[in-house]
N, C-alpha and C. Protein backbone atom coordinates (compact mmCIF):
# COMPACT_ATOMS: atom_id res chain seq x y z
N MET A 1 0.50 -1.11 0.12
CA MET A 1 -0.30 0.32 0.06
C MET A 1 0.79 1.50 0.02
N ILE A 2 0.31 2.18 -0.77
CA ILE A 2 1.20 3.57 -0.99
C ILE A 2 0.64 4.83 -0.04
N ILE A 3 0.81 4.51 1.31
CA ILE A 3 0.43 5.38 2.17
C ILE A 3 0.91 6.83 2.15
N THR A 4 2.37 7.04 1.95
CA THR A 4 2.94 8.23 1.90
C THR A 4 3.79 8.64 0.14
N TYR A 5 3.88 9.47 -0.04
CA TYR A 5 4.38 9.64 -1.54
C TYR A 5 4.67 10.86 -1.30
N THR A 6 5.53 11.51 -2.11
CA THR A 6 6.25 12.71 -2.32
C THR A 6 5.86 13.59 -3.36
N GLN A 7 5.52 14.59 -3.77
CA GLN A 7 5.57 15.71 -4.66
C GLN A 7 6.22 16.78 -4.28
N GLY A 8 7.46 17.27 -5.23
CA GLY A 8 8.03 18.53 -4.79
C GLY A 8 8.97 18.35 -3.72
N ASP A 9 8.49 19.38 -2.83
CA ASP A 9 8.90 19.52 -1.46
C ASP A 9 7.98 19.15 -0.32
N SER A 10 7.01 17.99 -0.74
CA SER A 10 5.79 17.87 0.44
C SER A 10 5.76 16.13 0.18
N LEU A 11 5.39 15.94 1.61
CA LEU A 11 5.35 14.30 2.10
C LEU A 11 3.95 14.22 1.82
N TYR A 12 3.22 13.93 1.34
CA TYR A 12 1.27 13.47 1.17
C TYR A 12 1.68 12.09 1.61
N VAL A 13 0.38 11.99 2.46
CA VAL A 13 -0.13 11.07 3.61
C VAL A 13 -1.85 10.32 2.62
N ASN A 14 -1.30 9.45 1.94
CA ASN A 14 -2.81 8.68 1.46
C ASN A 14 -3.31 8.16 2.34
N MET A 15 -4.57 8.01 3.38
CA MET A 15 -5.26 7.42 4.55
C MET A 15 -6.20 6.76 4.30
N THR A 16 -6.88 6.85 3.09
CA THR A 16 -8.43 6.04 2.79
C THR A 16 -8.59 6.49 1.30
N ASN A 17 -9.66 5.48 1.01
CA ASN A 17 -10.08 5.10 -0.26
C ASN A 17 -11.21 5.76 -0.07
N LEU A 18 -11.94 6.06 0.66
CA LEU A 18 -12.91 6.45 1.40
C LEU A 18 -13.19 7.95 0.26
N CYS A 19 -14.70 8.45 -0.38
CA CYS A 19 -14.97 9.60 -0.48
C CYS A 19 -16.25 10.20 -0.55
N THR A 20 -16.68 10.85 -0.13
CA THR A 20 -18.36 11.58 0.10
C THR A 20 -18.72 11.94 -1.82
N ASN A 21 -17.13 12.14 -2.94
CA ASN A 21 -17.60 12.92 -3.68
C ASN A 21 -17.30 11.87 -5.02
N LYS A 22 -18.19 11.86 -6.14
CA LYS A 22 -17.67 11.10 -6.96
C LYS A 22 -17.59 11.82 -8.39
N CYS A 23 -16.56 12.81 -8.02
CA CYS A 23 -16.18 13.79 -9.12
C CYS A 23 -15.99 13.55 -10.74
N THR A 24 -16.58 13.98 -11.57
CA THR A 24 -16.30 13.36 -12.94
C THR A 24 -15.07 13.04 -13.61
N PHE A 25 -14.17 14.63 -12.75
CA PHE A 25 -12.85 14.87 -13.34
C PHE A 25 -11.60 13.94 -12.54
N CYS A 26 -11.99 13.19 -10.99
CA CYS A 26 -11.24 12.84 -10.71
C CYS A 26 -10.25 11.87 -11.56
N VAL A 27 -9.09 11.46 -11.36
CA VAL A 27 -7.98 10.53 -11.50
C VAL A 27 -8.36 9.03 -11.38
N ARG A 28 -8.95 9.23 -10.25
CA ARG A 28 -9.55 7.74 -9.53
C ARG A 28 -10.79 6.93 -10.37
N SER A 29 -10.90 8.03 -11.06
CA SER A 29 -12.86 7.74 -12.07
C SER A 29 -12.14 7.11 -13.20
N HIS A 30 -10.84 7.39 -13.71
CA HIS A 30 -10.79 7.05 -14.85
C HIS A 30 -9.65 5.79 -15.07
N GLY A 31 -9.75 5.11 -13.80
CA GLY A 31 -7.87 4.13 -13.51
C GLY A 31 -6.82 4.42 -13.90
N ASP A 32 -6.49 5.64 -13.87
CA ASP A 32 -5.46 5.98 -14.34
C ASP A 32 -4.47 5.84 -12.79
N ASP A 33 -2.80 5.73 -12.65
CA ASP A 33 -2.85 5.96 -11.92
C ASP A 33 -1.71 7.52 -11.36
N ILE A 34 -1.37 7.59 -10.33
CA ILE A 34 -0.51 9.49 -10.10
C ILE A 34 -0.03 9.07 -9.22
N TYR A 35 1.42 8.58 -9.28
CA TYR A 35 2.36 8.67 -7.93
C TYR A 35 2.71 7.22 -8.01
N GLY A 36 2.57 6.55 -8.54
CA GLY A 36 2.28 5.23 -8.59
C GLY A 36 0.34 4.38 -8.15
N ASN A 37 0.57 3.39 -7.81
CA ASN A 37 -1.14 3.20 -7.33
C ASN A 37 -1.69 3.56 -6.20
N LEU A 38 -2.74 4.62 -5.67
CA LEU A 38 -2.41 4.85 -4.82
C LEU A 38 -4.10 4.22 -3.99
N TRP A 39 -4.58 3.44 -4.85
CA TRP A 39 -5.60 2.36 -4.31
C TRP A 39 -5.09 1.69 -2.89
N LEU A 40 -5.70 1.97 -2.51
CA LEU A 40 -5.55 1.36 -0.93
C LEU A 40 -5.80 -0.45 -1.08
N GLU A 41 -5.19 -1.32 -0.45
CA GLU A 41 -5.65 -2.63 -0.40
C GLU A 41 -6.94 -2.97 0.41
N GLN A 42 -6.70 -1.73 1.66
CA GLN A 42 -7.43 -1.96 3.00
C GLN A 42 -7.34 -0.55 3.19
N GLU A 43 -8.06 -0.59 4.09
CA GLU A 43 -7.71 0.84 4.74
C GLU A 43 -6.67 0.87 6.10
N PRO A 44 -5.82 1.69 5.80
CA PRO A 44 -4.61 1.17 6.61
C PRO A 44 -5.09 1.76 8.45
N THR A 45 -4.49 1.46 9.36
CA THR A 45 -4.93 1.43 10.66
C THR A 45 -4.35 2.78 11.10
N ARG A 46 -4.57 3.43 12.20
CA ARG A 46 -3.43 4.42 12.55
C ARG A 46 -2.12 4.37 12.73
N ASP A 47 -2.02 3.64 13.39
CA ASP A 47 -0.82 3.21 13.45
C ASP A 47 0.08 3.08 12.38
N GLN A 48 -0.02 2.34 11.45
CA GLN A 48 0.32 2.06 10.10
C GLN A 48 0.61 3.61 9.15
N ILE A 49 -0.15 4.37 9.37
CA ILE A 49 -0.70 5.68 9.04
C ILE A 49 0.64 6.30 10.12
N TYR A 50 0.62 6.87 10.86
CA TYR A 50 1.48 7.12 11.70
C TYR A 50 3.22 6.72 11.08
N GLU A 51 3.31 5.54 11.16
CA GLU A 51 4.43 4.92 11.36
C GLU A 51 5.00 5.00 9.48
N SER A 52 3.97 5.24 8.29
CA SER A 52 4.62 5.06 7.24
C SER A 52 5.10 6.42 7.06
N ILE A 53 4.65 7.75 7.98
CA ILE A 53 4.95 8.90 8.01
C ILE A 53 5.78 8.87 8.48
N ILE A 54 6.57 8.58 9.21
CA ILE A 54 7.74 8.42 9.95
C ILE A 54 9.07 8.20 9.72
N GLU A 55 8.33 7.09 9.00
CA GLU A 55 10.10 6.43 8.28
C GLU A 55 9.74 6.87 6.94
N ALA A 56 9.32 7.86 7.08
CA ALA A 56 9.34 8.86 5.25
C ALA A 56 10.43 9.91 5.84
N HIS A 57 10.80 9.88 7.46
CA HIS A 57 11.44 10.82 7.93
C HIS A 57 10.96 12.57 7.47
N PRO A 58 9.77 13.05 7.83
CA PRO A 58 9.22 14.00 7.29
C PRO A 58 9.84 15.66 7.96
N GLU A 59 10.89 15.36 8.47
CA GLU A 59 12.12 16.39 8.65
C GLU A 59 12.68 16.69 7.13
N LYS A 60 12.41 15.98 6.78
CA LYS A 60 13.10 16.55 5.00
C LYS A 60 12.15 17.20 4.73
N PHE A 61 10.99 17.26 4.60
CA PHE A 61 10.05 17.96 3.58
C PHE A 61 9.95 19.04 4.34
N GLU A 62 9.54 20.05 3.35
CA GLU A 62 8.94 21.40 3.83
C GLU A 62 7.36 21.23 4.61
N GLU A 63 6.89 20.72 3.71
CA GLU A 63 5.24 20.15 4.55
C GLU A 63 4.70 18.89 4.33
N ILE A 64 3.68 18.60 5.49
CA ILE A 64 2.92 17.68 4.99
C ILE A 64 1.51 17.35 4.88
N VAL A 65 1.26 16.87 4.37
CA VAL A 65 -0.07 17.09 3.15
C VAL A 65 -0.73 15.73 3.41
N PHE A 66 -2.02 15.98 3.95
CA PHE A 66 -2.90 15.06 4.12
C PHE A 66 -3.64 15.15 3.23
N CYS A 67 -3.80 14.16 2.15
CA CYS A 67 -4.47 14.43 0.89
C CYS A 67 -4.74 13.03 0.21
N GLY A 68 -4.49 12.56 -0.56
CA GLY A 68 -4.41 10.77 -0.89
C GLY A 68 -5.72 10.46 -2.14
N TYR A 69 -5.87 9.78 -2.17
CA TYR A 69 -6.99 9.23 -3.15
C TYR A 69 -8.52 9.49 -2.83
N GLY A 70 -8.22 9.54 -1.46
CA GLY A 70 -9.63 9.48 -1.04
C GLY A 70 -9.96 11.09 0.24
N GLU A 71 -11.12 10.93 0.26
CA GLU A 71 -11.20 12.30 1.29
C GLU A 71 -10.92 11.92 2.98
N PRO A 72 -9.96 12.49 3.34
CA PRO A 72 -8.94 12.47 4.77
C PRO A 72 -10.22 12.60 5.57
N THR A 73 -10.93 13.38 5.61
CA THR A 73 -11.78 13.73 6.52
C THR A 73 -12.79 12.75 6.80
N CYS A 74 -13.12 11.98 6.18
CA CYS A 74 -14.03 10.57 6.01
C CYS A 74 -13.06 9.73 7.24
N ARG A 75 -11.90 9.88 7.60
CA ARG A 75 -11.19 9.30 8.82
C ARG A 75 -10.87 10.64 10.12
N LEU A 76 -11.18 11.23 10.21
CA LEU A 76 -11.18 12.47 11.04
C LEU A 76 -10.55 12.23 12.18
N TYR A 77 -11.14 11.29 13.17
CA TYR A 77 -10.73 11.27 14.28
C TYR A 77 -9.22 10.75 13.98
N ASP A 78 -9.27 9.79 13.37
CA ASP A 78 -8.17 9.23 13.38
C ASP A 78 -6.75 10.14 12.84
N MET A 79 -7.08 11.27 11.54
CA MET A 79 -6.12 11.91 10.81
C MET A 79 -5.66 13.01 12.09
N LEU A 80 -6.90 13.45 12.83
CA LEU A 80 -6.58 14.13 14.20
C LEU A 80 -5.52 14.16 15.21
N THR A 81 -5.48 12.83 15.15
CA THR A 81 -4.56 12.23 16.47
C THR A 81 -3.60 11.95 15.93
N ILE A 82 -3.29 11.55 14.80
CA ILE A 82 -2.20 11.40 14.14
C ILE A 82 -1.25 12.94 13.89
N CYS A 83 -2.36 14.18 13.52
CA CYS A 83 -1.98 15.27 12.88
C CYS A 83 -1.39 15.92 15.18
N LYS A 84 -1.92 15.57 16.04
CA LYS A 84 -1.38 16.02 17.37
C LYS A 84 0.17 15.54 17.64
N LYS A 85 0.29 13.82 17.20
CA LYS A 85 1.52 13.36 17.42
C LYS A 85 2.53 13.78 16.79
N LEU A 86 2.23 14.46 15.09
CA LEU A 86 3.16 14.88 14.70
C LEU A 86 3.66 16.01 15.29
N ARG A 87 2.39 17.03 15.91
CA ARG A 87 2.62 17.81 16.65
C ARG A 87 3.85 18.17 17.25
N GLU A 88 3.61 17.15 18.30
CA GLU A 88 3.84 16.64 19.33
C GLU A 88 5.99 16.55 18.60
N LYS A 89 6.15 15.55 18.07
CA LYS A 89 7.56 15.61 17.33
C LYS A 89 8.18 16.32 16.40
N TYR A 90 7.32 16.66 15.60
CA TYR A 90 7.95 17.79 14.99
C TYR A 90 7.02 18.92 14.68
N PRO A 91 7.06 20.12 15.82
CA PRO A 91 6.32 21.12 15.80
C PRO A 91 6.95 22.25 14.85
N ASP A 92 7.76 21.89 14.42
CA ASP A 92 7.87 23.17 13.02
C ASP A 92 7.65 22.82 11.81
N ILE A 93 6.94 21.67 11.90
CA ILE A 93 7.05 21.23 9.99
C ILE A 93 5.40 21.66 10.00
N PRO A 94 5.09 22.18 8.88
CA PRO A 94 3.91 22.89 8.70
C PRO A 94 3.15 21.58 8.52
N ILE A 95 1.73 21.46 8.45
CA ILE A 95 0.82 20.55 7.99
C ILE A 95 -0.23 21.03 7.20
N ARG A 96 -0.56 20.34 6.03
CA ARG A 96 -1.65 21.14 5.34
C ARG A 96 -2.93 20.15 5.09
N LEU A 97 -4.30 20.62 5.13
CA LEU A 97 -5.65 19.27 4.34
C LEU A 97 -5.43 19.53 3.20
N ASN A 98 -5.69 18.86 2.40
CA ASN A 98 -6.71 18.79 1.14
C ASN A 98 -7.35 18.20 1.18
N THR A 99 -8.54 19.12 1.23
CA THR A 99 -10.34 18.26 1.40
C THR A 99 -11.04 19.11 0.87
N ASN A 100 -12.07 17.98 0.70
CA ASN A 100 -13.69 18.53 -0.31
C ASN A 100 -14.43 19.47 0.59
N GLY A 101 -14.10 19.81 1.88
CA GLY A 101 -15.08 20.59 2.86
C GLY A 101 -16.03 19.79 3.48
N HIS A 102 -16.27 18.43 3.14
CA HIS A 102 -17.58 17.84 4.35
C HIS A 102 -17.40 17.49 5.50
N ALA A 103 -15.91 17.95 5.95
CA ALA A 103 -16.19 17.04 7.09
C ALA A 103 -17.51 17.48 8.36
N SER A 104 -17.79 18.53 8.49
CA SER A 104 -18.99 18.69 9.28
C SER A 104 -20.02 17.79 8.78
N MET A 105 -20.49 17.95 7.42
CA MET A 105 -21.41 16.93 7.31
C MET A 105 -21.01 15.72 6.99
N ILE A 106 -20.27 14.87 7.05
CA ILE A 106 -19.72 13.57 7.67
C ILE A 106 -20.36 13.35 8.89
N MET A 107 -19.55 14.16 9.54
CA MET A 107 -19.65 14.24 11.02
C MET A 107 -21.06 14.05 11.90
N GLY A 108 -21.93 15.56 10.99
CA GLY A 108 -22.89 15.49 11.64
C GLY A 108 -23.07 16.88 12.77
N GLU A 109 -21.78 17.59 13.03
CA GLU A 109 -21.71 18.45 13.85
C GLU A 109 -20.39 19.64 13.41
N ASP A 110 -20.50 20.61 13.78
CA ASP A 110 -19.63 21.63 13.35
C ASP A 110 -18.29 20.89 13.92
N THR A 111 -17.43 20.88 13.12
CA THR A 111 -15.92 20.41 12.95
C THR A 111 -14.82 21.63 13.40
N THR A 112 -15.14 22.19 12.99
CA THR A 112 -14.31 23.16 12.66
C THR A 112 -13.14 23.64 13.67
N PRO A 113 -13.75 23.52 15.01
CA PRO A 113 -13.07 23.71 15.99
C PRO A 113 -11.97 22.76 15.93
N LEU A 114 -12.24 21.85 16.02
CA LEU A 114 -10.87 20.58 16.08
C LEU A 114 -9.59 20.79 15.28
N PHE A 115 -9.67 21.51 14.58
CA PHE A 115 -8.30 21.57 13.21
C PHE A 115 -7.67 22.73 14.25
N GLU A 116 -7.98 23.83 14.68
CA GLU A 116 -7.34 25.14 15.45
C GLU A 116 -6.00 24.21 15.60
N GLY A 117 -4.83 24.82 15.93
CA GLY A 117 -3.57 24.53 16.33
C GLY A 117 -2.64 22.96 15.74
N LEU A 118 -3.44 22.57 14.90
CA LEU A 118 -3.24 21.03 14.25
C LEU A 118 -2.71 21.24 12.62
N PHE A 119 -3.23 22.45 12.15
CA PHE A 119 -3.00 22.53 10.57
C PHE A 119 -2.62 24.17 10.35
N ASP A 120 -1.99 24.49 9.29
CA ASP A 120 -1.66 25.17 9.23
C ASP A 120 -2.02 26.30 8.15
N THR A 121 -3.16 24.65 6.91
CA THR A 121 -3.61 25.94 5.83
C THR A 121 -4.31 24.42 5.85
N ILE A 122 -5.57 24.90 5.03
CA ILE A 122 -6.51 23.38 4.83
C ILE A 122 -7.08 24.53 3.24
N SER A 123 -6.96 23.40 1.84
CA SER A 123 -7.00 23.91 0.89
C SER A 123 -8.47 23.05 0.82
N ILE A 124 -9.11 23.82 0.09
CA ILE A 124 -10.85 22.83 0.09
C ILE A 124 -11.45 23.72 -1.25
N SER A 125 -11.33 22.06 -1.87
CA SER A 125 -11.85 22.00 -3.28
C SER A 125 -13.29 22.30 -3.95
N LEU A 126 -13.36 23.84 -3.88
CA LEU A 126 -14.35 24.53 -4.16
C LEU A 126 -14.92 23.81 -5.61
N ASN A 127 -13.99 24.05 -6.82
CA ASN A 127 -14.82 23.27 -7.87
C ASN A 127 -15.87 23.76 -9.04
N ALA A 128 -16.72 24.47 -8.04
CA ALA A 128 -17.70 24.96 -9.10
C ALA A 128 -18.29 26.66 -8.34
N PRO A 129 -19.04 27.55 -9.11
CA PRO A 129 -19.37 28.58 -8.81
C PRO A 129 -20.46 28.52 -8.48
N ASP A 130 -21.50 27.55 -8.34
CA ASP A 130 -22.88 27.52 -8.11
C ASP A 130 -23.17 25.73 -7.34
N SER A 131 -24.20 25.80 -6.83
CA SER A 131 -24.89 24.63 -6.41
C SER A 131 -24.91 23.83 -7.49
N GLU A 132 -25.89 24.16 -8.32
CA GLU A 132 -26.00 23.45 -9.50
C GLU A 132 -25.39 22.73 -10.26
N THR A 133 -24.12 23.48 -10.75
CA THR A 133 -22.69 22.98 -11.11
C THR A 133 -21.73 22.01 -10.40
N TYR A 134 -22.12 22.22 -9.09
CA TYR A 134 -21.50 21.47 -8.05
C TYR A 134 -21.82 20.12 -8.29
N MET A 135 -23.37 19.96 -8.44
CA MET A 135 -23.72 18.83 -8.22
C MET A 135 -23.64 17.92 -9.56
N LYS A 136 -23.71 18.18 -10.69
CA LYS A 136 -22.89 18.00 -11.85
C LYS A 136 -21.64 17.45 -11.66
N LEU A 137 -20.80 17.81 -11.46
CA LEU A 137 -19.42 18.17 -11.40
C LEU A 137 -19.03 17.19 -10.92
N CYS A 138 -19.43 17.01 -9.01
CA CYS A 138 -18.71 16.40 -8.07
C CYS A 138 -19.89 15.40 -7.63
N VAL A 139 -21.32 15.26 -7.54
CA VAL A 139 -21.50 14.15 -7.64
C VAL A 139 -21.84 13.70 -5.54
N PRO A 140 -21.87 14.95 -5.50
CA PRO A 140 -21.68 14.65 -3.93
C PRO A 140 -22.50 13.60 -3.02
N LYS A 141 -22.42 12.98 -2.36
CA LYS A 141 -23.10 12.19 -1.42
C LYS A 141 -24.41 12.41 -0.41
N PHE A 142 -24.22 14.32 -0.33
CA PHE A 142 -24.84 14.80 0.53
C PHE A 142 -25.91 15.58 -0.29
N GLY A 143 -26.22 15.34 -1.61
CA GLY A 143 -27.04 16.08 -2.18
C GLY A 143 -27.24 17.80 -2.49
N GLU A 144 -28.37 18.13 -2.58
CA GLU A 144 -27.88 19.92 -3.44
C GLU A 144 -27.80 20.71 -2.25
N ASP A 145 -27.71 20.31 -0.99
CA ASP A 145 -27.24 21.09 0.30
C ASP A 145 -25.70 21.22 0.07
N THR A 146 -24.88 20.06 -0.58
CA THR A 146 -23.39 20.09 -0.52
C THR A 146 -23.03 21.74 -0.71
N TYR A 147 -23.10 22.08 -1.43
CA TYR A 147 -22.52 23.52 -1.79
C TYR A 147 -22.56 24.80 -0.53
N ALA A 148 -23.92 24.62 -0.59
CA ALA A 148 -23.80 25.32 0.97
C ALA A 148 -22.71 25.04 2.20
N GLY A 149 -23.02 23.60 2.26
CA GLY A 149 -22.05 23.13 3.64
C GLY A 149 -20.18 23.31 3.39
N VAL A 150 -20.18 23.32 2.16
CA VAL A 150 -19.16 23.20 1.88
C VAL A 150 -18.65 24.83 1.63
N LEU A 151 -19.49 25.82 1.92
CA LEU A 151 -19.15 27.26 1.93
C LEU A 151 -18.90 27.65 3.66
N LYS A 152 -20.13 26.84 4.24
CA LYS A 152 -20.07 27.11 5.57
C LYS A 152 -18.67 26.72 6.14
N PHE A 153 -18.54 25.56 5.83
CA PHE A 153 -17.53 24.94 6.37
C PHE A 153 -16.15 25.80 6.18
N ALA A 154 -15.55 26.35 4.99
CA ALA A 154 -14.95 27.10 4.85
C ALA A 154 -15.02 28.76 5.69
N ARG A 155 -15.81 29.22 5.76
CA ARG A 155 -15.96 30.09 6.54
C ARG A 155 -15.55 29.98 7.73
N ASP A 156 -16.15 29.07 8.11
CA ASP A 156 -15.96 28.74 9.55
C ASP A 156 -14.81 28.32 10.04
N VAL A 157 -14.42 27.46 9.38
CA VAL A 157 -12.16 26.99 9.61
C VAL A 157 -11.83 27.95 9.16
N ALA A 158 -12.10 28.99 8.53
CA ALA A 158 -11.18 30.10 8.54
C ALA A 158 -10.91 30.52 9.96
N ARG A 159 -11.52 30.70 10.54
CA ARG A 159 -11.82 31.44 11.93
C ARG A 159 -10.62 30.77 12.88
N HIS A 160 -10.41 28.98 12.52
CA HIS A 160 -9.21 28.61 13.42
C HIS A 160 -8.18 28.38 12.86
N VAL A 161 -8.09 28.24 11.34
CA VAL A 161 -6.83 28.19 10.70
C VAL A 161 -6.19 29.25 10.30
N PRO A 162 -5.04 29.71 10.25
CA PRO A 162 -5.02 30.28 9.78
C PRO A 162 -4.78 31.08 8.45
N ASN A 163 -4.30 30.03 7.79
CA ASN A 163 -4.77 29.82 5.88
C ASN A 163 -5.18 28.75 5.53
N VAL A 164 -6.31 29.47 4.75
CA VAL A 164 -7.44 28.78 3.90
C VAL A 164 -7.52 29.12 2.91
N VAL A 165 -7.31 28.10 1.82
CA VAL A 165 -7.44 28.88 0.36
C VAL A 165 -9.07 27.55 -0.37
N LEU A 166 -9.55 28.01 -0.78
CA LEU A 166 -10.96 27.60 -2.13
C LEU A 166 -9.79 27.29 -3.22
N THR A 167 -10.01 26.38 -4.03
CA THR A 167 -9.74 25.78 -5.42
C THR A 167 -10.67 25.64 -6.27
N ALA A 168 -10.09 25.45 -7.48
CA ALA A 168 -10.94 24.85 -8.34
C ALA A 168 -9.70 24.62 -9.58
N VAL A 169 -10.39 23.46 -10.59
CA VAL A 169 -9.49 22.76 -11.24
C VAL A 169 -9.23 23.93 -12.85
N ARG A 170 -8.56 24.05 -13.00
CA ARG A 170 -8.94 24.67 -14.70
C ARG A 170 -9.18 23.21 -15.62
N GLY A 171 -10.00 23.74 -16.40
CA GLY A 171 -10.16 22.74 -17.61
C GLY A 171 -11.50 21.85 -17.45
N THR A 172 -12.02 21.76 -15.79
CA THR A 172 -13.38 21.41 -15.62
C THR A 172 -14.70 21.94 -15.91
N VAL A 173 -14.39 23.47 -15.88
CA VAL A 173 -15.18 24.32 -16.12
C VAL A 173 -14.79 25.65 -16.66
N SER A 174 -15.22 26.20 -17.37
CA SER A 174 -15.31 27.27 -18.11
C SER A 174 -14.31 28.74 -16.99
N GLU A 175 -13.42 29.55 -18.20
CA GLU A 175 -12.78 30.40 -17.92
C GLU A 175 -13.65 31.05 -16.71
N GLU A 176 -14.79 31.73 -17.18
CA GLU A 176 -15.83 32.03 -16.71
C GLU A 176 -15.90 31.98 -15.38
N ASP A 177 -16.37 30.50 -15.22
CA ASP A 177 -16.79 29.56 -14.24
C ASP A 177 -15.46 29.78 -12.73
N LEU A 178 -14.43 29.94 -13.31
CA LEU A 178 -13.29 30.18 -12.77
C LEU A 178 -13.28 31.35 -11.94
N ALA A 179 -13.62 32.42 -12.53
CA ALA A 179 -13.88 33.39 -12.27
C ALA A 179 -15.10 33.73 -11.24
N ARG A 180 -16.12 33.19 -11.57
CA ARG A 180 -17.03 33.03 -10.64
C ARG A 180 -16.75 32.91 -9.67
N CYS A 181 -16.04 31.29 -9.07
CA CYS A 181 -15.35 30.90 -8.31
C CYS A 181 -14.87 31.67 -7.18
N ALA A 182 -14.14 32.27 -8.20
CA ALA A 182 -12.86 33.73 -7.49
C ALA A 182 -14.00 34.81 -6.54
N GLU A 183 -14.63 34.95 -7.44
CA GLU A 183 -15.54 35.92 -6.69
C GLU A 183 -16.62 35.15 -5.23
N VAL A 184 -16.75 33.85 -5.48
CA VAL A 184 -17.17 33.42 -4.19
C VAL A 184 -16.39 33.42 -3.10
N ALA A 185 -14.75 33.17 -3.06
CA ALA A 185 -13.54 32.70 -2.55
C ALA A 185 -13.76 34.48 -1.96
N ARG A 186 -13.72 35.63 -2.76
CA ARG A 186 -13.61 37.02 -2.11
C ARG A 186 -14.76 37.03 -1.15
N GLY A 187 -16.26 36.92 -1.64
CA GLY A 187 -17.25 37.27 -0.96
C GLY A 187 -17.51 36.39 0.47
N LEU A 188 -16.23 35.44 0.63
CA LEU A 188 -16.13 34.94 2.24
C LEU A 188 -14.88 35.18 2.87
N GLY A 189 -14.42 36.35 2.03
CA GLY A 189 -12.61 36.85 2.61
C GLY A 189 -11.38 35.49 2.46
N ILE A 190 -11.75 34.81 1.76
CA ILE A 190 -11.21 33.32 1.86
C ILE A 190 -9.99 33.95 0.42
N LYS A 191 -9.20 32.87 0.76
CA LYS A 191 -8.18 33.18 -0.77
C LYS A 191 -8.56 31.93 -1.73
N PHE A 192 -8.32 32.25 -3.10
CA PHE A 192 -8.58 31.45 -4.16
C PHE A 192 -7.28 30.84 -5.08
N ARG A 193 -7.33 29.74 -5.24
CA ARG A 193 -6.46 29.53 -6.13
C ARG A 193 -6.77 28.27 -7.30
N ILE A 194 -6.30 28.40 -8.57
CA ILE A 194 -6.45 28.03 -9.64
C ILE A 194 -5.80 26.75 -9.37
N ARG A 195 -6.06 25.27 -9.49
CA ARG A 195 -5.33 24.04 -9.96
C ARG A 195 -5.27 24.05 -11.04
N GLU A 196 -4.15 23.36 -11.93
CA GLU A 196 -4.28 22.69 -12.79
C GLU A 196 -4.88 21.33 -12.70
N TYR A 197 -5.24 20.73 -14.54
CA TYR A 197 -5.81 19.38 -13.97
C TYR A 197 -4.79 18.22 -14.82
N ILE A 198 -4.57 17.10 -13.15
CA ILE A 198 -3.53 16.17 -13.70
C ILE A 198 -4.18 15.15 -14.00
């Protein structure tokens, strides 16, 4: 199983196959491998994930990124426990979360205070300028209220994490929609970044 992999100067943590979206543009929907085959044969244990990070010598990297083939917050409490241990052992290494912003919907409560002190950056995949486009593009488990839930998560978690960024992928929506995504982010007072399609 590939639990950790590298990209540039970052160490990425691939801790789950689970996801609450079925994005039409997702590489896993097309059977492609990226950075090796990231499909996990089984969900790794909390200890396996932590040990894989330690064995990769995270002190050599500029940041640790919880990302992977699935949505990390599907295993929220495992992720938070691992982050606490990493903070104790490597207090100076920045930690980032790449997420679809569904954590509070997954858990059925406001999870945003739990991220405080553990993450330096949270990058949230907005991907669309409105709910209708989001539904078509991301096919979320939580239905039509999902887009509003993502915006609420972004707004709320920005109170607890110093750097929050909303993102969209160039090539999956029009340039006009990318500009509208940027406006949505500005309306929330949150940074916006365009990601290139892989």
